[in-house]
Amino acid sequence: MSLLPGLAESTGVSIPTAGSYISAYALGVVIGAPLIAILAARTSRKALLIALIALFAIGYAASAVAWDHFSLLCARFLAGLPHGAY
């Protein structure tokens, strides 16, 4: 059973529009991975891990309190950025 229909229903958008939330997260992963690789070469592992966990938490917290479609898209993108490091 897919979660997408339930997500679309709870946010009041169509299923294809709800699919854009997943795409925004994936885009964050694609953009974040090379940027994090550059940062990883210049930053201590401990500091990098703390920053990535904080960014991940901020992205998910913002997703939880998103007030419209665009804010949820931005929050999902932000949550996806640190995923490329893992």
PDB file of N, CA and C in Angstrom:
ATOM      1  N   MET A   1       0.846  -1.180   0.000  1.00  0.00           N
ATOM      2  CA  MET A   1       0.000   0.000   0.000  1.00  0.00           C
ATOM      3  C   MET A   1       0.887   1.237   0.000  1.00  0.00           C
ATOM      4  N   SER A   2       0.570   2.141  -0.870  1.00  0.00           N
ATOM      5  CA  SER A   2       1.351   3.359  -1.016  1.00  0.00           C
ATOM      6  C   SER A   2       0.917   4.422  -0.010  1.00  0.00           C
ATOM      7  N   LEU A   3       1.868   5.213   0.412  1.00  0.00           N
ATOM      8  CA  LEU A   3       1.566   6.322   1.316  1.00  0.00           C
ATOM      9  C   LEU A   3       1.139   7.576   0.561  1.00  0.00           C
ATOM     10  N   LEU A   4       1.394   7.599  -0.739  1.00  0.00           N
ATOM     11  CA  LEU A   4       1.131   8.799  -1.522  1.00  0.00           C
ATOM     12  C   LEU A   4      -0.341   9.222  -1.530  1.00  0.00           C
ATOM     13  N   PRO A   5      -1.311   8.320  -1.715  1.00  0.00           N
ATOM     14  CA  PRO A   5      -2.711   8.764  -1.666  1.00  0.00           C
ATOM     15  C   PRO A   5      -3.097   9.382  -0.319  1.00  0.00           C
ATOM     16  N   GLY A   6      -2.615   8.804   0.762  1.00  0.00           N
ATOM     17  CA  GLY A   6      -2.905   9.366   2.083  1.00  0.00           C
ATOM     18  C   GLY A   6      -2.269  10.725   2.278  1.00  0.00           C
ATOM     19  N   LEU A   7      -1.051  10.873   1.778  1.00  0.00           N
ATOM     20  CA  LEU A   7      -0.364  12.166   1.856  1.00  0.00           C
ATOM     21  C   LEU A   7      -1.114  13.210   1.044  1.00  0.00           C
ATOM     22  N   ALA A   8      -1.548  12.831  -0.150  1.00  0.00           N
ATOM     23  CA  ALA A   8      -2.296  13.763  -0.993  1.00  0.00           C
ATOM     24  C   ALA A   8      -3.598  14.183  -0.323  1.00  0.00           C
ATOM     25  N   GLU A   9      -4.275  13.224   0.278  1.00  0.00           N
ATOM     26  CA  GLU A   9      -5.541  13.533   0.944  1.00  0.00           C
ATOM     27  C   GLU A   9      -5.334  14.444   2.151  1.00  0.00           C
ATOM     28  N   SER A  10      -4.310  14.154   2.951  1.00  0.00           N
ATOM     29  CA  SER A  10      -4.106  14.945   4.170  1.00  0.00           C
ATOM     30  C   SER A  10      -3.615  16.355   3.886  1.00  0.00           C
ATOM     31  N   THR A  11      -2.946  16.553   2.758  1.00  0.00           N
ATOM     32  CA  THR A  11      -2.475  17.897   2.417  1.00  0.00           C
ATOM     33  C   THR A  11      -3.419  18.623   1.467  1.00  0.00           C
ATOM     34  N   GLY A  12      -4.434  17.925   0.970  1.00  0.00           N
ATOM     35  CA  GLY A  12      -5.430  18.558   0.115  1.00  0.00           C
ATOM     36  C   GLY A  12      -4.941  18.846  -1.293  1.00  0.00           C
ATOM     37  N   VAL A  13      -4.041  18.015  -1.802  1.00  0.00           N
ATOM     38  CA  VAL A  13      -3.535  18.194  -3.165  1.00  0.00           C
ATOM     39  C   VAL A  13      -3.749  16.898  -3.938  1.00  0.00           C
ATOM     40  N   SER A  14      -3.517  16.948  -5.248  1.00  0.00           N
ATOM     41  CA  SER A  14      -3.652  15.745  -6.071  1.00  0.00           C
ATOM     42  C   SER A  14      -2.473  14.804  -5.824  1.00  0.00           C
ATOM     43  N   ILE A  15      -2.625  13.563  -6.253  1.00  0.00           N
ATOM     44  CA  ILE A  15      -1.553  12.580  -6.073  1.00  0.00           C
ATOM     45  C   ILE A  15      -0.287  12.993  -6.831  1.00  0.00           C
ATOM     46  N   PRO A  16      -0.378  13.450  -8.089  1.00  0.00           N
ATOM     47  CA  PRO A  16       0.854  13.901  -8.759  1.00  0.00           C
ATOM     48  C   PRO A  16       1.529  15.079  -8.049  1.00  0.00           C
ATOM     49  N   THR A  17       0.738  15.973  -7.496  1.00  0.00           N
ATOM     50  CA  THR A  17       1.311  17.103  -6.762  1.00  0.00           C
ATOM     51  C   THR A  17       1.990  16.617  -5.493  1.00  0.00           C
ATOM     52  N   ALA A  18       1.384  15.666  -4.815  1.00  0.00           N
ATOM     53  CA  ALA A  18       2.007  15.099  -3.617  1.00  0.00           C
ATOM     54  C   ALA A  18       3.301  14.377  -3.972  1.00  0.00           C
ATOM     55  N   GLY A  19       3.376  13.826  -5.172  1.00  0.00           N
ATOM     56  CA  GLY A  19       4.607  13.194  -5.631  1.00  0.00           C
ATOM     57  C   GLY A  19       5.758  14.174  -5.727  1.00  0.00           C
ATOM     58  N   SER A  20       5.435  15.445  -5.896  1.00  0.00           N
ATOM     59  CA  SER A  20       6.497  16.459  -5.971  1.00  0.00           C
ATOM     60  C   SER A  20       7.214  16.617  -4.633  1.00  0.00           C
ATOM     61  N   TYR A  21       6.573  16.242  -3.528  1.00  0.00           N
ATOM     62  CA  TYR A  21       7.249  16.286  -2.227  1.00  0.00           C
ATOM     63  C   TYR A  21       8.400  15.283  -2.194  1.00  0.00           C
ATOM     64  N   ILE A  22       8.167  14.119  -2.774  1.00  0.00           N
ATOM     65  CA  ILE A  22       9.214  13.101  -2.853  1.00  0.00           C
ATOM     66  C   ILE A  22      10.313  13.563  -3.801  1.00  0.00           C
ATOM     67  N   SER A  23       9.918  14.171  -4.908  1.00  0.00           N
ATOM     68  CA  SER A  23      10.902  14.673  -5.873  1.00  0.00           C
ATOM     69  C   SER A  23      11.744  15.793  -5.284  1.00  0.00           C
ATOM     70  N   ALA A  24      11.146  16.645  -4.472  1.00  0.00           N
ATOM     71  CA  ALA A  24      11.901  17.735  -3.841  1.00  0.00           C
ATOM     72  C   ALA A  24      12.957  17.172  -2.902  1.00  0.00           C
ATOM     73  N   TYR A  25      12.615  16.133  -2.160  1.00  0.00           N
ATOM     74  CA  TYR A  25      13.586  15.483  -1.270  1.00  0.00           C
ATOM     75  C   TYR A  25      14.726  14.889  -2.098  1.00  0.00           C
ATOM     76  N   ALA A  26      14.381  14.191  -3.187  1.00  0.00           N
ATOM     77  CA  ALA A  26      15.399  13.577  -4.045  1.00  0.00           C
ATOM     78  C   ALA A  26      16.302  14.634  -4.671  1.00  0.00           C
ATOM     79  N   LEU A  27      15.741  15.763  -5.056  1.00  0.00           N
ATOM     80  CA  LEU A  27      16.548  16.851  -5.609  1.00  0.00           C
ATOM     81  C   LEU A  27      17.507  17.385  -4.555  1.00  0.00           C
ATOM     82  N   GLY A  28      17.053  17.476  -3.323  1.00  0.00           N
ATOM     83  CA  GLY A  28      17.939  17.889  -2.237  1.00  0.00           C
ATOM     84  C   GLY A  28      19.101  16.933  -2.057  1.00  0.00           C
ATOM     85  N   VAL A  29      18.839  15.636  -2.191  1.00  0.00           N
ATOM     86  CA  VAL A  29      19.905  14.634  -2.079  1.00  0.00           C
ATOM     87  C   VAL A  29      20.918  14.823  -3.201  1.00  0.00           C
ATOM     88  N   VAL A  30      20.433  15.005  -4.423  1.00  0.00           N
ATOM     89  CA  VAL A  30      21.315  15.146  -5.590  1.00  0.00           C
ATOM     90  C   VAL A  30      22.169  16.404  -5.493  1.00  0.00           C
ATOM     91  N   ILE A  31      21.602  17.486  -5.036  1.00  0.00           N
ATOM     92  CA  ILE A  31      22.356  18.737  -4.911  1.00  0.00           C
ATOM     93  C   ILE A  31      23.243  18.712  -3.671  1.00  0.00           C
ATOM     94  N   GLY A  32      22.759  18.123  -2.600  1.00  0.00           N
ATOM     95  CA  GLY A  32      23.511  18.113  -1.350  1.00  0.00           C
ATOM     96  C   GLY A  32      24.736  17.222  -1.364  1.00  0.00           C
ATOM     97  N   ALA A  33      24.684  16.103  -2.072  1.00  0.00           N
ATOM     98  CA  ALA A  33      25.792  15.138  -2.043  1.00  0.00           C
ATOM     99  C   ALA A  33      27.127  15.742  -2.484  1.00  0.00           C
ATOM    100  N   PRO A  34      27.213  16.410  -3.632  1.00  0.00           N
ATOM    101  CA  PRO A  34      28.519  16.973  -4.006  1.00  0.00           C
ATOM    102  C   PRO A  34      28.950  18.129  -3.106  1.00  0.00           C
ATOM    103  N   LEU A  35      27.991  18.917  -2.636  1.00  0.00           N
ATOM    104  CA  LEU A  35      28.341  20.019  -1.742  1.00  0.00           C
ATOM    105  C   LEU A  35      28.894  19.495  -0.424  1.00  0.00           C
ATOM    106  N   ILE A  36      28.293  18.446   0.082  1.00  0.00           N
ATOM    107  CA  ILE A  36      28.761  17.868   1.339  1.00  0.00           C
ATOM    108  C   ILE A  36      30.118  17.203   1.154  1.00  0.00           C
ATOM    109  N   ALA A  37      30.357  16.625  -0.019  1.00  0.00           N
ATOM    110  CA  ALA A  37      31.667  16.022  -0.287  1.00  0.00           C
ATOM    111  C   ALA A  37      32.766  17.078  -0.226  1.00  0.00           C
ATOM    112  N   ILE A  38      32.486  18.256  -0.743  1.00  0.00           N
ATOM    113  CA  ILE A  38      33.456  19.360  -0.686  1.00  0.00           C
ATOM    114  C   ILE A  38      33.652  19.806   0.760  1.00  0.00           C
ATOM    115  N   LEU A  39      32.548  19.960   1.493  1.00  0.00           N
ATOM    116  CA  LEU A  39      32.642  20.366   2.898  1.00  0.00           C
ATOM    117  C   LEU A  39      33.345  19.319   3.752  1.00  0.00           C
ATOM    118  N   ALA A  40      33.143  18.060   3.438  1.00  0.00           N
ATOM    119  CA  ALA A  40      33.738  16.986   4.237  1.00  0.00           C
ATOM    120  C   ALA A  40      35.254  17.014   4.168  1.00  0.00           C
ATOM    121  N   ALA A  41      35.784  17.476   3.055  1.00  0.00           N
ATOM    122  CA  ALA A  41      37.238  17.538   2.907  1.00  0.00           C
ATOM    123  C   ALA A  41      37.845  18.668   3.737  1.00  0.00           C
ATOM    124  N   ARG A  42      37.030  19.648   4.091  1.00  0.00           N
ATOM    125  CA  ARG A  42      37.539  20.836   4.785  1.00  0.00           C
ATOM    126  C   ARG A  42      37.085  20.951   6.235  1.00  0.00           C
ATOM    127  N   THR A  43      36.248  20.041   6.687  1.00  0.00           N
ATOM    128  CA  THR A  43      35.644  20.146   8.012  1.00  0.00           C
ATOM    129  C   THR A  43      35.931  18.878   8.814  1.00  0.00           C
ATOM    130  N   SER A  44      36.025  19.035  10.119  1.00  0.00           N
ATOM    131  CA  SER A  44      36.216  17.847  10.959  1.00  0.00           C
ATOM    132  C   SER A  44      34.973  16.968  10.884  1.00  0.00           C
ATOM    133  N   ARG A  45      35.159  15.690  11.026  1.00  0.00           N
ATOM    134  CA  ARG A  45      34.046  14.737  10.924  1.00  0.00           C
ATOM    135  C   ARG A  45      32.977  15.001  11.983  1.00  0.00           C
ATOM    136  N   LYS A  46      33.411  15.317  13.183  1.00  0.00           N
ATOM    137  CA  LYS A  46      32.455  15.558  14.268  1.00  0.00           C
ATOM    138  C   LYS A  46      31.601  16.792  13.975  1.00  0.00           C
ATOM    139  N   ALA A  47      32.240  17.877  13.569  1.00  0.00           N
ATOM    140  CA  ALA A  47      31.501  19.107  13.264  1.00  0.00           C
ATOM    141  C   ALA A  47      30.557  18.896  12.083  1.00  0.00           C
ATOM    142  N   LEU A  48      31.023  18.158  11.085  1.00  0.00           N
ATOM    143  CA  LEU A  48      30.192  17.884   9.913  1.00  0.00           C
ATOM    144  C   LEU A  48      28.969  17.058  10.297  1.00  0.00           C
ATOM    145  N   LEU A  49      29.175  16.032  11.102  1.00  0.00           N
ATOM    146  CA  LEU A  49      28.064  15.184  11.521  1.00  0.00           C
ATOM    147  C   LEU A  49      27.034  15.965  12.330  1.00  0.00           C
ATOM    148  N   ILE A  50      27.491  16.808  13.226  1.00  0.00           N
ATOM    149  CA  ILE A  50      26.571  17.630  14.022  1.00  0.00           C
ATOM    150  C   ILE A  50      25.776  18.570  13.118  1.00  0.00           C
ATOM    151  N   ALA A  51      26.454  19.202  12.165  1.00  0.00           N
ATOM    152  CA  ALA A  51      25.773  20.117  11.247  1.00  0.00           C
ATOM    153  C   ALA A  51      24.755  19.378  10.380  1.00  0.00           C
ATOM    154  N   LEU A  52      25.116  18.193   9.902  1.00  0.00           N
ATOM    155  CA  LEU A  52      24.199  17.424   9.056  1.00  0.00           C
ATOM    156  C   LEU A  52      22.971  16.962   9.831  1.00  0.00           C
ATOM    157  N   ILE A  53      23.172  16.508  11.046  1.00  0.00           N
ATOM    158  CA  ILE A  53      22.034  16.076  11.863  1.00  0.00           C
ATOM    159  C   ILE A  53      21.128  17.266  12.176  1.00  0.00           C
ATOM    160  N   ALA A  54      21.721  18.422  12.451  1.00  0.00           N
ATOM    161  CA  ALA A  54      20.926  19.626  12.723  1.00  0.00           C
ATOM    162  C   ALA A  54      20.122  20.029  11.492  1.00  0.00           C
ATOM    163  N   LEU A  55      20.754  20.004  10.316  1.00  0.00           N
ATOM    164  CA  LEU A  55      20.057  20.364   9.079  1.00  0.00           C
ATOM    165  C   LEU A  55      18.929  19.379   8.791  1.00  0.00           C
ATOM    166  N   PHE A  56      19.190  18.111   9.006  1.00  0.00           N
ATOM    167  CA  PHE A  56      18.184  17.074   8.822  1.00  0.00           C
ATOM    168  C   PHE A  56      16.988  17.319   9.748  1.00  0.00           C
ATOM    169  N   ALA A  57      17.265  17.603  11.021  1.00  0.00           N
ATOM    170  CA  ALA A  57      16.200  17.847  12.000  1.00  0.00           C
ATOM    171  C   ALA A  57      15.408  19.107  11.663  1.00  0.00           C
ATOM    172  N   ILE A  58      16.103  20.149  11.242  1.00  0.00           N
ATOM    173  CA  ILE A  58      15.420  21.392  10.869  1.00  0.00           C
ATOM    174  C   ILE A  58      14.501  21.155   9.675  1.00  0.00           C
ATOM    175  N   GLY A  59      14.986  20.414   8.690  1.00  0.00           N
ATOM    176  CA  GLY A  59      14.170  20.117   7.511  1.00  0.00           C
ATOM    177  C   GLY A  59      12.918  19.334   7.859  1.00  0.00           C
ATOM    178  N   TYR A  60      13.060  18.342   8.723  1.00  0.00           N
ATOM    179  CA  TYR A  60      11.889  17.554   9.111  1.00  0.00           C
ATOM    180  C   TYR A  60      10.946  18.341  10.014  1.00  0.00           C
ATOM    181  N   ALA A  61      11.478  19.166  10.892  1.00  0.00           N
ATOM    182  CA  ALA A  61      10.616  20.006  11.732  1.00  0.00           C
ATOM    183  C   ALA A  61       9.848  21.000  10.868  1.00  0.00           C
ATOM    184  N   ALA A  62      10.530  21.572   9.885  1.00  0.00           N
ATOM    185  CA  ALA A  62       9.858  22.503   8.972  1.00  0.00           C
ATOM    186  C   ALA A  62       8.790  21.777   8.158  1.00  0.00           C
ATOM    187  N   SER A  63       9.045  20.535   7.786  1.00  0.00           N
ATOM    188  CA  SER A  63       8.034  19.747   7.067  1.00  0.00           C
ATOM    189  C   SER A  63       6.797  19.532   7.935  1.00  0.00           C
ATOM    190  N   ALA A  64       7.010  19.324   9.209  1.00  0.00           N
ATOM    191  CA  ALA A  64       5.895  19.061  10.121  1.00  0.00           C
ATOM    192  C   ALA A  64       5.005  20.279  10.312  1.00  0.00           C
ATOM    193  N   VAL A  65       5.570  21.474  10.206  1.00  0.00           N
ATOM    194  CA  VAL A  65       4.780  22.687  10.439  1.00  0.00           C
ATOM    195  C   VAL A  65       4.538  23.485   9.159  1.00  0.00           C
ATOM    196  N   ALA A  66       4.785  22.880   8.007  1.00  0.00           N
ATOM    197  CA  ALA A  66       4.584  23.583   6.732  1.00  0.00           C
ATOM    198  C   ALA A  66       3.125  24.011   6.599  1.00  0.00           C
ATOM    199  N   TRP A  67       2.904  25.218   6.126  1.00  0.00           N
ATOM    200  CA  TRP A  67       1.550  25.774   6.077  1.00  0.00           C
ATOM    201  C   TRP A  67       0.935  25.725   4.684  1.00  0.00           C
ATOM    202  N   ASP A  68       1.736  25.473   3.649  1.00  0.00           N
ATOM    203  CA  ASP A  68       1.183  25.360   2.305  1.00  0.00           C
ATOM    204  C   ASP A  68       2.083  24.467   1.456  1.00  0.00           C
ATOM    205  N   HIS A  69       1.687  24.291   0.214  1.00  0.00           N
ATOM    206  CA  HIS A  69       2.409  23.402  -0.697  1.00  0.00           C
ATOM    207  C   HIS A  69       3.853  23.848  -0.897  1.00  0.00           C
ATOM    208  N   PHE A  70       4.074  25.117  -1.144  1.00  0.00           N
ATOM    209  CA  PHE A  70       5.430  25.607  -1.412  1.00  0.00           C
ATOM    210  C   PHE A  70       6.341  25.466  -0.197  1.00  0.00           C
ATOM    211  N   SER A  71       5.820  25.767   0.985  1.00  0.00           N
ATOM    212  CA  SER A  71       6.658  25.637   2.184  1.00  0.00           C
ATOM    213  C   SER A  71       7.019  24.174   2.445  1.00  0.00           C
ATOM    214  N   LEU A  72       6.107  23.259   2.149  1.00  0.00           N
ATOM    215  CA  LEU A  72       6.416  21.839   2.311  1.00  0.00           C
ATOM    216  C   LEU A  72       7.451  21.386   1.283  1.00  0.00           C
ATOM    217  N   LEU A  73       7.347  21.880   0.058  1.00  0.00           N
ATOM    218  CA  LEU A  73       8.360  21.562  -0.960  1.00  0.00           C
ATOM    219  C   LEU A  73       9.741  22.030  -0.518  1.00  0.00           C
ATOM    220  N   CYS A  74       9.816  23.251  -0.020  1.00  0.00           N
ATOM    221  CA  CYS A  74      11.106  23.793   0.433  1.00  0.00           C
ATOM    222  C   CYS A  74      11.653  23.007   1.622  1.00  0.00           C
ATOM    223  N   ALA A  75      10.788  22.649   2.541  1.00  0.00           N
ATOM    224  CA  ALA A  75      11.221  21.892   3.715  1.00  0.00           C
ATOM    225  C   ALA A  75      11.705  20.503   3.321  1.00  0.00           C
ATOM    226  N   ARG A  76      11.017  19.862   2.387  1.00  0.00           N
ATOM    227  CA  ARG A  76      11.445  18.537   1.919  1.00  0.00           C
ATOM    228  C   ARG A  76      12.796  18.629   1.207  1.00  0.00           C
ATOM    229  N   PHE A  77      12.999  19.681   0.431  1.00  0.00           N
ATOM    230  CA  PHE A  77      14.293  19.892  -0.226  1.00  0.00           C
ATOM    231  C   PHE A  77      15.391  20.054   0.821  1.00  0.00           C
ATOM    232  N   LEU A  78      15.128  20.871   1.819  1.00  0.00           N
ATOM    233  CA  LEU A  78      16.096  21.107   2.895  1.00  0.00           C
ATOM    234  C   LEU A  78      16.408  19.813   3.648  1.00  0.00           C
ATOM    235  N   ALA A  79      15.394  19.007   3.909  1.00  0.00           N
ATOM    236  CA  ALA A  79      15.606  17.741   4.610  1.00  0.00           C
ATOM    237  C   ALA A  79      16.425  16.767   3.771  1.00  0.00           C
ATOM    238  N   GLY A  80      16.355  16.884   2.463  1.00  0.00           N
ATOM    239  CA  GLY A  80      17.103  15.987   1.590  1.00  0.00           C
ATOM    240  C   GLY A  80      18.566  16.341   1.431  1.00  0.00           C
ATOM    241  N   LEU A  81      18.923  17.587   1.677  1.00  0.00           N
ATOM    242  CA  LEU A  81      20.313  18.015   1.481  1.00  0.00           C
ATOM    243  C   LEU A  81      21.334  17.165   2.238  1.00  0.00           C
ATOM    244  N   PRO A  82      21.160  16.909   3.526  1.00  0.00           N
ATOM    245  CA  PRO A  82      22.182  16.133   4.235  1.00  0.00           C
ATOM    246  C   PRO A  82      22.150  14.636   3.940  1.00  0.00           C
ATOM    247  N   HIS A  83      21.120  14.158   3.298  1.00  0.00           N
ATOM    248  CA  HIS A  83      20.987  12.723   3.049  1.00  0.00           C
ATOM    249  C   HIS A  83      22.133  12.177   2.190  1.00  0.00           C
ATOM    250  N   GLY A  84      22.655  12.977   1.299  1.00  0.00           N
ATOM    251  CA  GLY A  84      23.742  12.538   0.429  1.00  0.00           C
ATOM    252  C   GLY A  84      25.010  12.161   1.166  1.00  0.00           C
ATOM    253  N   ALA A  85      25.172  12.617   2.380  1.00  0.00           N
ATOM    254  CA  ALA A  85      26.373  12.301   3.160  1.00  0.00           C
ATOM    255  C   ALA A  85      26.281  10.927   3.787  1.00  0.00           C
ATOM    256  N   TYR A  86      25.089  10.406   3.925  1.00  0.00           N
ATOM    257  CA  TYR A  86      24.923   9.122   4.589  1.00  0.00           C
ATOM    258  C   TYR A  86      24.914   8.047   3.560  1.00  0.00           C
TER     259      TYR A  86
END
